[in-house]
Amino acid sequence: MKICPLICIILIAVFLSSCATGKRALNSGNYTQATHLAANHLSKHSKSENAKQVIATAYPLAKSQWLEKAEAAERATHPFHWENAVVAYGSLNEMADSIESSEGANRLNLAVVRFPDEYETSKENASMDREIAGDELMEFGERYHARTAYDHYERALGFKPESANLASKLRDALHLGTIRVALSPDLGRPFGVDFYKLMEDIHRELDGRRLGKFVKLVPFDVVDYEGHFEEPHHIINISVHAWEIGREREYFTRKAFKRSVEVGKTKDDPPKPIMKEVKATVNTFEYTKNSRGTLHVTVYDLDLVTVVYSGPIFESVSWADHQSVVSGDRRALKDGKPRFSEKRPSPPSDYRQESRLIERLASELRRELMRFYVSF
């Protein structure tokens, strides 16, 4: 049985209308969403009876629900219970905003209430709870406790973003929780490597960056934090295990072509074409130039006096081009023209290839260290 397209259109329109006015949310028991949807609809269609009915029903129910949650949160004794009060009073204030900013909803005299003082008090208490939890953890003076403290201070700062005291505690927790990693200035077995270029690129990729939330690259000798000098926790040592720059190779191939081409006409009547077989040879020279390098990376933990990571970093750069030289009758080639370059190509300089190789190695080193330090 087929449904008339007009009926389908009507059903879809009714469905969309119920969604827009919040009726569907109301029927599913989501009174807060129903309130916001109805208020938004009334801001555009102030005479919508459906939206008026929805908000008149949904808002009192939503208000009652959030007030119960707020009171329960204030009475609770579990850790960080004030955060639930923040959510509850925040939701009540957001509904009030939606209604008062909607011309159609604001005319309905819905007994809208706001809780600005309760909301601010809840945020103050929620922030204080998180700050106290962070302070207790920082008393241990230990890296992993400091990381948890950092999370508490971050949450506390979310409730009081203007607090300079919390921002300072957040920095201290980050500092204490961070593994400081230094790059050794010594490069083992240089193999004719452009030492300064390699170290410059590696430093540019790594220095001052965080390899993770609590892992930071720092200068090798000392770390200066608010006037205090501290040594790094890890040392990264890099040695060159292989280094080959500008290895050039040539490959030669030869291909023969022949075709029958018309070279004239006979004197017959009618004239007939005079055909001649022509031949040509294409000599192709393939040129390649490759550079490759392997670094071996070792990470030493100075606290544990042991190696925590050891592995190779390999990269390569390649260049390839060709030259084709035609000998014989070019008419033997298709269309009589070569489809390739007869000029000998110029390979990149050794300096250029080495520079590209170093850039790739430095970038891959940073990615590999980030993968390693994910677990720290």
Protein backbone atom coordinates (compact mmCIF):
# COMPACT_ATOMS: atom_id res chain seq x y z
CA MET A 1 0.00 0.00 0.00
CA LYS A 2 1.46 3.33 -1.09
CA ILE A 3 1.30 6.44 1.10
CA CYS A 4 0.45 9.64 -0.67
CA PRO A 5 3.52 11.92 -0.96
CA LEU A 6 1.48 14.78 0.48
CA ILE A 7 0.79 12.77 3.63
CA CYS A 8 4.52 12.01 3.95
CA ILE A 9 5.32 15.70 3.67
CA ILE A 10 2.76 16.54 6.33
CA LEU A 11 4.10 13.85 8.70
CA ILE A 12 7.67 15.08 8.25
CA ALA A 13 6.60 18.66 8.86
CA VAL A 14 4.75 17.66 12.03
CA PHE A 15 7.78 15.70 13.23
CA LEU A 16 10.19 18.58 12.59
CA SER A 17 7.80 21.00 14.24
CA SER A 18 7.60 18.84 17.35
CA CYS A 19 11.41 18.73 17.49
CA ALA A 20 11.74 22.50 17.02
CA THR A 21 9.15 23.38 19.64
CA GLY A 22 10.61 20.90 22.17
CA LYS A 23 7.53 18.68 22.30
CA ARG A 24 9.51 15.57 21.50
CA ALA A 25 12.04 16.36 24.26
CA LEU A 26 9.19 17.02 26.68
CA ASN A 27 7.55 13.67 25.90
CA SER A 28 10.88 11.89 26.45
CA GLY A 29 11.30 13.52 29.87
CA ASN A 30 14.17 15.86 28.90
CA TYR A 31 12.57 18.96 30.42
CA THR A 32 15.70 21.13 30.28
CA GLN A 33 16.20 20.59 26.56
CA ALA A 34 12.48 21.08 25.97
CA THR A 35 12.68 24.44 27.76
CA HIS A 36 15.59 25.66 25.66
CA LEU A 37 14.04 24.47 22.38
CA ALA A 38 10.68 26.01 23.12
CA ALA A 39 12.25 29.32 24.20
CA ASN A 40 14.34 29.42 21.03
CA HIS A 41 11.29 28.67 18.90
CA LEU A 42 9.30 31.39 20.61
CA SER A 43 12.04 33.91 19.94
CA LYS A 44 11.35 33.40 16.23
CA HIS A 45 7.65 32.47 16.35
CA SER A 46 6.25 34.28 19.39
CA LYS A 47 2.65 33.12 18.73
CA SER A 48 3.42 29.39 18.51
CA GLU A 49 0.85 27.69 20.74
CA ASN A 50 2.71 24.39 20.72
CA ALA A 51 5.90 26.01 21.99
CA LYS A 52 3.96 27.93 24.65
CA GLN A 53 2.37 24.73 25.94
CA VAL A 54 5.75 22.95 25.94
CA ILE A 55 7.62 25.61 27.89
CA ALA A 56 4.74 26.14 30.33
CA THR A 57 4.94 22.43 31.20
CA ALA A 58 8.68 21.78 30.85
CA TYR A 59 10.18 24.73 32.71
CA PRO A 60 8.53 24.12 36.12
CA LEU A 61 9.46 20.44 35.93
CA ALA A 62 13.06 21.19 34.91
CA LYS A 63 13.35 23.86 37.60
CA SER A 64 12.12 21.43 40.23
CA GLN A 65 14.56 18.73 39.11
CA TRP A 66 17.60 21.01 39.20
CA LEU A 67 16.64 22.52 42.56
CA GLU A 68 16.47 19.02 44.05
CA LYS A 69 19.90 18.19 42.58
CA ALA A 70 21.36 21.45 43.88
CA GLU A 71 20.06 20.86 47.40
CA ALA A 72 21.27 17.24 47.34
CA ALA A 73 24.71 18.38 46.20
CA GLU A 74 24.96 20.94 48.99
CA ARG A 75 24.04 18.33 51.61
CA ALA A 76 26.43 15.70 50.24
CA THR A 77 29.71 14.86 51.93
CA HIS A 78 31.60 13.02 49.19
CA PRO A 79 34.69 14.69 47.65
CA PHE A 80 34.04 17.48 45.18
CA HIS A 81 30.25 17.43 45.75
CA TRP A 82 30.10 21.18 45.14
CA GLU A 83 30.80 20.56 41.46
CA ASN A 84 27.36 18.99 41.14
CA ALA A 85 25.88 22.13 42.69
CA VAL A 86 27.73 24.23 40.10
CA VAL A 87 26.14 22.19 37.32
CA ALA A 88 22.67 22.44 38.89
CA TYR A 89 22.69 26.20 39.54
CA GLY A 90 24.37 26.80 36.19
CA SER A 91 21.57 24.89 34.42
CA LEU A 92 18.92 26.88 36.28
CA ASN A 93 20.55 30.16 35.27
CA GLU A 94 20.93 29.05 31.66
CA MET A 95 17.21 28.26 31.43
CA ALA A 96 16.43 31.68 32.88
CA ASP A 97 18.67 33.25 30.22
CA SER A 98 16.90 31.34 27.43
CA ILE A 99 13.47 32.43 28.60
CA GLU A 100 14.30 36.07 29.30
CA SER A 101 16.09 36.47 25.96
CA SER A 102 13.07 35.08 24.09
CA GLU A 103 10.37 37.66 23.49
CA GLY A 104 7.63 35.06 23.13
CA ALA A 105 8.67 33.08 26.20
CA ASN A 106 9.22 36.15 28.37
CA ARG A 107 5.57 37.20 27.98
CA LEU A 108 4.28 34.03 29.60
CA ASN A 109 5.03 34.99 33.22
CA LEU A 110 6.67 31.65 34.02
CA ALA A 111 8.02 32.66 37.44
CA VAL A 112 11.58 32.50 36.23
CA VAL A 113 14.18 32.34 38.98
CA ARG A 114 17.94 32.91 38.98
CA PHE A 115 20.54 31.77 41.48
CA PRO A 116 23.60 33.98 40.90
CA ASP A 117 24.76 34.00 44.52
CA GLU A 118 24.32 30.26 44.96
CA TYR A 119 26.13 29.67 41.67
CA GLU A 120 29.12 31.79 42.66
CA THR A 121 29.25 30.22 46.13
CA SER A 122 29.20 26.74 44.60
CA LYS A 123 32.05 27.64 42.23
CA GLU A 124 34.05 29.08 45.11
CA ASN A 125 33.58 25.92 47.19
CA ALA A 126 34.24 23.61 44.23
CA SER A 127 37.46 25.46 43.46
CA MET A 128 38.52 25.36 47.11
CA ASP A 129 37.97 21.58 47.31
CA ARG A 130 40.16 21.02 44.26
CA GLU A 131 42.83 23.39 45.53
CA ILE A 132 42.99 21.64 48.91
CA ALA A 133 43.29 18.25 47.18
CA GLY A 134 46.11 19.60 45.03
CA ASP A 135 47.91 21.12 48.02
CA GLU A 136 47.80 17.81 49.91
CA LEU A 137 49.32 15.96 46.97
CA MET A 138 52.04 18.56 46.44
CA GLU A 139 53.23 18.01 50.02
CA PHE A 140 54.61 14.63 48.92
CA GLY A 141 57.09 16.45 46.68
CA GLU A 142 56.91 13.58 44.21
CA ARG A 143 56.50 13.64 40.44
CA TYR A 144 53.40 11.50 39.97
CA HIS A 145 51.54 13.04 42.92
CA ALA A 146 52.31 16.43 41.36
CA ARG A 147 50.70 15.34 38.12
CA THR A 148 47.46 14.49 39.90
CA ALA A 149 47.74 17.79 41.76
CA TYR A 150 48.08 19.52 38.39
CA ASP A 151 44.72 18.05 37.33
CA HIS A 152 43.11 19.33 40.54
CA TYR A 153 44.54 22.83 40.10
CA GLU A 154 43.42 22.84 36.48
CA ARG A 155 39.86 22.00 37.55
CA ALA A 156 40.02 24.61 40.33
CA LEU A 157 41.20 27.24 37.86
CA GLY A 158 38.23 26.39 35.65
CA PHE A 159 35.96 27.59 38.46
CA LYS A 160 38.14 30.64 39.25
CA PRO A 161 39.95 31.53 36.01
CA GLU A 162 41.06 34.90 37.36
CA SER A 163 42.97 33.42 40.31
CA ALA A 164 46.69 34.25 40.04
CA ASN A 165 47.37 32.02 43.06
CA LEU A 166 45.89 28.97 41.34
CA ALA A 167 47.75 29.76 38.13
CA SER A 168 51.00 29.83 40.10
CA LYS A 169 50.22 26.52 41.80
CA LEU A 170 49.38 25.01 38.42
CA ARG A 171 52.82 26.03 37.10
CA ASP A 172 54.54 24.60 40.17
CA ALA A 173 52.70 21.29 39.81
CA LEU A 174 53.56 21.13 36.12
CA HIS A 175 57.20 21.81 36.91
CA LEU A 176 57.40 19.17 39.65
CA GLY A 177 55.50 16.63 37.54
CA THR A 178 57.60 17.16 34.43
CA ILE A 179 60.43 14.90 33.35
CA ARG A 180 63.20 17.18 32.12
CA VAL A 181 65.00 15.71 29.16
CA ALA A 182 68.29 17.13 27.87
CA LEU A 183 69.99 16.52 24.55
CA SER A 184 73.65 15.58 24.90
CA PRO A 185 75.89 18.00 22.99
CA ASP A 186 78.23 15.18 21.95
CA LEU A 187 77.57 13.39 18.69
CA GLY A 188 79.23 10.00 18.54
CA ARG A 189 81.12 8.83 15.43
CA PRO A 190 80.46 11.81 13.12
CA PHE A 191 81.35 9.93 9.85
CA GLY A 192 82.01 13.17 8.01
CA VAL A 193 78.54 14.41 8.94
CA ASP A 194 77.82 18.12 8.87
CA PHE A 195 77.86 18.09 12.68
CA TYR A 196 76.71 21.66 13.19
CA LYS A 197 73.84 21.36 10.72
CA LEU A 198 72.66 18.10 12.31
CA MET A 199 72.72 19.44 15.86
CA GLU A 200 71.16 22.74 14.78
CA ASP A 201 68.21 20.97 13.17
CA ILE A 202 67.77 18.57 16.07
CA HIS A 203 67.82 21.45 18.55
CA ARG A 204 65.31 23.36 16.43
CA GLU A 205 62.97 20.36 16.45
CA LEU A 206 63.36 19.58 20.15
CA ASP A 207 64.55 22.49 22.28
CA GLY A 208 62.00 23.96 24.64
CA ARG A 209 59.23 21.71 23.35
CA ARG A 210 57.12 19.29 25.27
CA LEU A 211 57.29 15.69 24.09
CA GLY A 212 54.23 15.08 26.21
CA LYS A 213 52.16 16.90 28.80
CA PHE A 214 54.79 16.19 31.46
CA VAL A 215 57.92 15.76 29.32
CA LYS A 216 59.99 18.77 28.29
CA LEU A 217 63.26 19.26 26.42
CA VAL A 218 65.61 21.52 28.36
CA PRO A 219 69.21 22.78 28.04
CA PHE A 220 71.86 20.15 28.73
CA ASP A 221 73.86 21.75 31.51
CA VAL A 222 71.31 23.24 33.93
CA VAL A 223 67.64 23.98 34.20
CA ASP A 224 66.67 27.37 35.54
CA TYR A 225 63.24 27.47 37.17
CA GLU A 226 62.44 30.64 39.09
CA GLY A 227 66.07 31.10 40.09
CA HIS A 228 66.68 27.45 41.05
CA PHE A 229 69.17 25.35 39.11
CA GLU A 230 68.20 21.74 38.57
CA GLU A 231 69.65 18.90 36.56
CA PRO A 232 67.66 16.99 33.93
CA HIS A 233 66.15 13.58 34.64
CA HIS A 234 66.95 12.04 31.25
CA ILE A 235 69.84 12.50 28.84
CA ILE A 236 69.39 11.76 25.13
CA ASN A 237 72.58 10.59 23.47
CA ILE A 238 72.72 10.44 19.67
CA SER A 239 75.34 8.60 17.64
CA VAL A 240 75.66 8.22 13.87
CA HIS A 241 75.70 4.57 12.83
CA ALA A 242 75.63 5.05 9.06
CA TRP A 243 75.99 8.04 6.79
CA GLU A 244 76.09 7.94 2.99
CA ILE A 245 75.69 11.13 0.99
CA GLY A 246 75.35 11.53 -2.76
CA ARG A 247 75.66 7.95 -3.97
CA GLU A 248 75.19 8.22 -7.72
CA ARG A 249 74.27 5.44 -10.12
CA GLU A 250 73.62 5.22 -13.84
CA TYR A 251 71.52 2.68 -15.71
CA PHE A 252 71.50 2.28 -19.48
CA THR A 253 68.72 0.87 -21.66
CA ARG A 254 68.39 0.73 -25.44
CA LYS A 255 65.22 0.37 -27.44
CA ALA A 256 64.91 -0.02 -31.22
CA PHE A 257 62.02 1.36 -33.31
CA LYS A 258 61.07 0.80 -36.92
CA ARG A 259 58.19 1.91 -39.07
CA SER A 260 57.16 1.93 -42.70
CA VAL A 261 56.75 5.48 -43.91
CA GLU A 262 55.60 6.89 -47.21
CA VAL A 263 58.45 8.49 -49.15
CA GLY A 264 56.72 9.24 -52.45
CA LYS A 265 54.22 8.14 -55.11
CA THR A 266 54.56 5.89 -58.16
CA LYS A 267 53.77 7.14 -61.66
CA ASP A 268 51.00 4.64 -61.97
CA ASP A 269 47.45 5.74 -62.58
CA PRO A 270 46.24 5.97 -60.02
CA PRO A 271 49.58 6.53 -58.17
CA LYS A 272 50.54 4.19 -55.37
CA PRO A 273 52.49 5.12 -52.22
CA ILE A 274 56.15 4.25 -52.07
CA MET A 275 56.96 2.85 -48.62
CA LYS A 276 60.30 2.66 -46.90
CA GLU A 277 61.27 1.09 -43.60
CA VAL A 278 63.04 3.54 -41.29
CA LYS A 279 64.81 2.69 -38.07
CA ALA A 280 65.83 4.55 -34.93
CA THR A 281 67.38 3.71 -31.60
CA VAL A 282 66.65 5.39 -28.28
CA ASN A 283 69.40 5.15 -25.69
CA THR A 284 68.06 6.00 -22.23
CA PHE A 285 70.35 6.85 -19.34
CA GLU A 286 68.74 6.62 -15.87
CA TYR A 287 70.45 8.65 -13.15
CA THR A 288 69.88 8.30 -9.41
CA LYS A 289 71.41 9.97 -6.41
CA ASN A 290 70.64 8.74 -2.93
CA SER A 291 71.59 9.74 0.57
CA ARG A 292 70.78 7.91 3.76
CA GLY A 293 71.62 8.05 7.40
CA THR A 294 71.00 6.10 10.58
CA LEU A 295 71.12 7.63 14.03
CA HIS A 296 71.14 5.54 17.16
CA VAL A 297 69.26 7.11 20.04
CA THR A 298 69.84 6.18 23.66
CA VAL A 299 67.91 7.68 26.58
CA TYR A 300 69.57 7.45 30.00
CA ASP A 301 67.55 7.83 33.20
CA LEU A 302 69.87 9.66 35.60
CA ASP A 303 67.68 8.85 38.61
CA LEU A 304 67.59 5.09 37.92
CA VAL A 305 71.09 5.06 36.35
CA THR A 306 69.89 2.91 33.47
CA VAL A 307 69.01 3.00 29.79
CA VAL A 308 65.25 3.40 29.28
CA TYR A 309 65.26 3.61 25.49
CA SER A 310 67.60 2.48 22.74
CA GLY A 311 66.80 2.34 19.05
CA PRO A 312 67.69 3.46 15.52
CA ILE A 313 66.28 6.34 13.51
CA PHE A 314 66.62 5.81 9.76
CA GLU A 315 65.82 8.19 6.91
CA SER A 316 66.77 8.56 3.25
CA VAL A 317 66.34 11.02 0.40
CA SER A 318 66.36 10.09 -3.27
CA TRP A 319 66.61 11.81 -6.61
CA ALA A 320 66.04 10.22 -10.04
CA ASP A 321 65.88 11.50 -13.60
CA HIS A 322 66.74 10.33 -17.08
CA GLN A 323 68.18 11.36 -20.44
CA SER A 324 67.14 9.82 -23.76
CA VAL A 325 69.26 10.17 -26.89
CA VAL A 326 67.82 9.33 -30.32
CA SER A 327 69.96 8.03 -33.15
CA GLY A 328 68.74 7.10 -36.64
CA ASP A 329 65.61 8.27 -38.43
CA ARG A 330 63.25 10.03 -36.02
CA ARG A 331 60.37 9.12 -38.27
CA ALA A 332 60.58 5.65 -36.78
CA LEU A 333 59.25 7.14 -33.55
CA LYS A 334 55.59 7.79 -33.10
CA ASP A 335 54.74 11.19 -34.59
CA GLY A 336 58.42 11.55 -35.42
CA LYS A 337 59.16 13.29 -32.08
CA PRO A 338 60.87 12.05 -28.93
CA ARG A 339 58.65 12.04 -25.84
CA PHE A 340 61.52 12.55 -23.49
CA SER A 341 64.32 14.93 -22.61
CA GLU A 342 67.59 14.68 -24.50
CA LYS A 343 69.32 17.04 -22.07
CA ARG A 344 71.40 15.48 -19.32
CA PRO A 345 69.76 16.30 -15.98
CA SER A 346 71.62 17.98 -13.15
CA PRO A 347 71.47 16.10 -9.83
CA PRO A 348 71.08 18.02 -6.56
CA SER A 349 74.28 18.90 -4.76
CA ASP A 350 75.59 16.78 -1.92
CA TYR A 351 74.98 19.70 0.43
CA ARG A 352 71.31 19.94 -0.58
CA GLN A 353 70.71 16.20 -0.15
CA GLU A 354 72.46 16.12 3.20
CA SER A 355 70.43 19.11 4.39
CA ARG A 356 67.17 17.37 3.43
CA LEU A 357 68.34 14.16 5.09
CA ILE A 358 69.21 15.97 8.31
CA GLU A 359 65.83 17.73 8.37
CA ARG A 360 64.03 14.40 7.97
CA LEU A 361 66.11 12.71 10.65
CA ALA A 362 65.48 15.54 13.13
CA SER A 363 61.75 15.45 12.45
CA GLU A 364 61.57 11.65 12.77
CA LEU A 365 63.60 11.81 15.98
CA ARG A 366 61.04 14.18 17.50
CA ARG A 367 58.13 11.91 16.46
CA GLU A 368 59.84 8.81 17.85
CA LEU A 369 60.57 10.50 21.18
CA MET A 370 56.95 11.67 21.41
CA ARG A 371 55.81 8.07 20.86
CA PHE A 372 58.22 6.84 23.53
CA TYR A 373 57.26 9.46 26.11
CA VAL A 374 53.50 8.85 25.78
CA SER A 375 53.77 6.42 28.69
CA PHE A 376 55.66 8.83 30.96
